[in-house]
Amino acid sequence: MTDNPDFFIGIAQQALWITALAAAPFLIPALLVGLLLGMVQAATSINEQTLTFVPKLIVVAGVVGVFGGSILLLIADFTREIYARIPDLLL
């Protein structure tokens, strides 16, 4: 089973997918808030760095509060699955 290179490629693909699923809830809202505030700054000619940092920080903290538990469960399930595959690698 582990002699097949597709086994390790499958693990790597699954790891990248889990990483994308874990990072997307943080990155997408921060990107949207940054884009919206960037347009407001461009329209009003206000060039204050904290004007974009603080709302992004608040949005990311809210996302952690809402999705943090499910993201942690996703990563923990993947870790358990990888640990369960260790005996297959040794045989």
Protein backbone atom coordinates (compact mmCIF):
# COMPACT_ATOMS: atom_id res chain seq x y z
CA MET A 1 0.00 0.00 0.00
CA THR A 2 2.75 2.47 0.90
CA ASP A 3 4.95 1.38 -2.00
CA ASN A 4 2.64 3.27 -4.29
CA PRO A 5 3.72 6.93 -4.70
CA ASP A 6 0.05 7.87 -5.02
CA PHE A 7 -0.36 7.07 -1.32
CA PHE A 8 1.96 9.90 -0.32
CA ILE A 9 0.62 12.23 -2.98
CA GLY A 10 -2.88 11.58 -1.63
CA ILE A 11 -1.75 12.46 1.88
CA ALA A 12 -0.10 15.65 0.60
CA GLN A 13 -3.23 16.61 -1.36
CA GLN A 14 -5.39 15.99 1.68
CA ALA A 15 -3.05 18.07 3.84
CA LEU A 16 -3.21 20.97 1.39
CA TRP A 17 -7.00 20.74 1.23
CA ILE A 18 -7.29 20.74 5.04
CA THR A 19 -4.94 23.75 5.15
CA ALA A 20 -7.09 25.61 2.63
CA LEU A 21 -10.27 24.77 4.55
CA ALA A 22 -8.69 25.92 7.81
CA ALA A 23 -7.27 29.16 6.40
CA ALA A 24 -10.16 30.30 4.20
CA PRO A 25 -12.49 31.41 7.04
CA PHE A 26 -9.75 33.78 8.23
CA LEU A 27 -8.43 35.01 4.91
CA ILE A 28 -11.62 35.67 2.97
CA PRO A 29 -13.31 38.02 5.49
CA ALA A 30 -10.02 39.83 6.14
CA LEU A 31 -9.55 40.25 2.38
CA LEU A 32 -13.07 41.60 1.92
CA VAL A 33 -12.77 44.04 4.83
CA GLY A 34 -9.37 45.21 3.56
CA LEU A 35 -10.74 45.71 0.06
CA LEU A 36 -13.77 47.64 1.32
CA LEU A 37 -11.70 49.86 3.60
CA GLY A 38 -9.12 50.38 0.87
CA MET A 39 -11.84 51.70 -1.41
CA VAL A 40 -13.08 53.99 1.38
CA GLN A 41 -9.55 55.24 1.97
CA ALA A 42 -9.04 55.87 -1.74
CA ALA A 43 -12.32 57.76 -1.98
CA THR A 44 -11.66 59.91 1.09
CA SER A 45 -7.87 60.25 0.73
CA ILE A 46 -7.37 59.09 4.32
CA ASN A 47 -4.06 57.21 4.54
CA GLU A 48 -4.14 55.90 8.09
CA GLN A 49 -2.72 52.39 8.53
CA THR A 50 -4.62 51.63 11.72
CA LEU A 51 -7.88 52.30 9.89
CA THR A 52 -7.44 49.00 8.01
CA PHE A 53 -5.62 47.03 10.70
CA VAL A 54 -8.11 47.37 13.55
CA PRO A 55 -11.24 46.32 11.59
CA LYS A 56 -9.35 43.33 10.12
CA LEU A 57 -8.27 42.35 13.61
CA ILE A 58 -11.85 42.58 14.88
CA VAL A 59 -13.19 40.54 11.94
CA VAL A 60 -10.55 37.82 12.38
CA ALA A 61 -11.28 37.68 16.13
CA GLY A 62 -14.97 37.27 15.32
CA VAL A 63 -14.18 34.49 12.85
CA VAL A 64 -12.10 32.71 15.50
CA GLY A 65 -15.05 32.96 17.86
CA VAL A 66 -17.51 31.60 15.34
CA PHE A 67 -15.48 29.04 13.38
CA GLY A 68 -12.56 28.32 15.71
CA GLY A 69 -14.04 25.16 17.18
CA SER A 70 -14.92 23.61 13.85
CA ILE A 71 -11.51 24.45 12.39
CA LEU A 72 -9.84 22.88 15.41
CA LEU A 73 -11.96 19.74 14.99
CA LEU A 74 -11.06 19.59 11.30
CA ILE A 75 -7.35 19.73 12.06
CA ALA A 76 -7.65 17.27 14.95
CA ASP A 77 -9.53 14.74 12.77
CA PHE A 78 -6.86 15.00 10.09
CA THR A 79 -4.14 14.52 12.70
CA ARG A 80 -5.88 11.44 14.09
CA GLU A 81 -6.20 10.03 10.59
CA ILE A 82 -2.51 10.57 9.88
CA TYR A 83 -1.55 8.91 13.19
CA ALA A 84 -3.83 5.99 12.35
CA ARG A 85 -1.93 5.51 9.08
CA ILE A 86 1.46 5.17 10.80
CA PRO A 87 1.19 1.38 11.24
CA ASP A 88 0.50 1.07 7.50
CA LEU A 89 3.76 2.88 6.81
CA LEU A 90 5.78 0.53 9.03
CA LEU A 91 4.52 -2.72 7.51
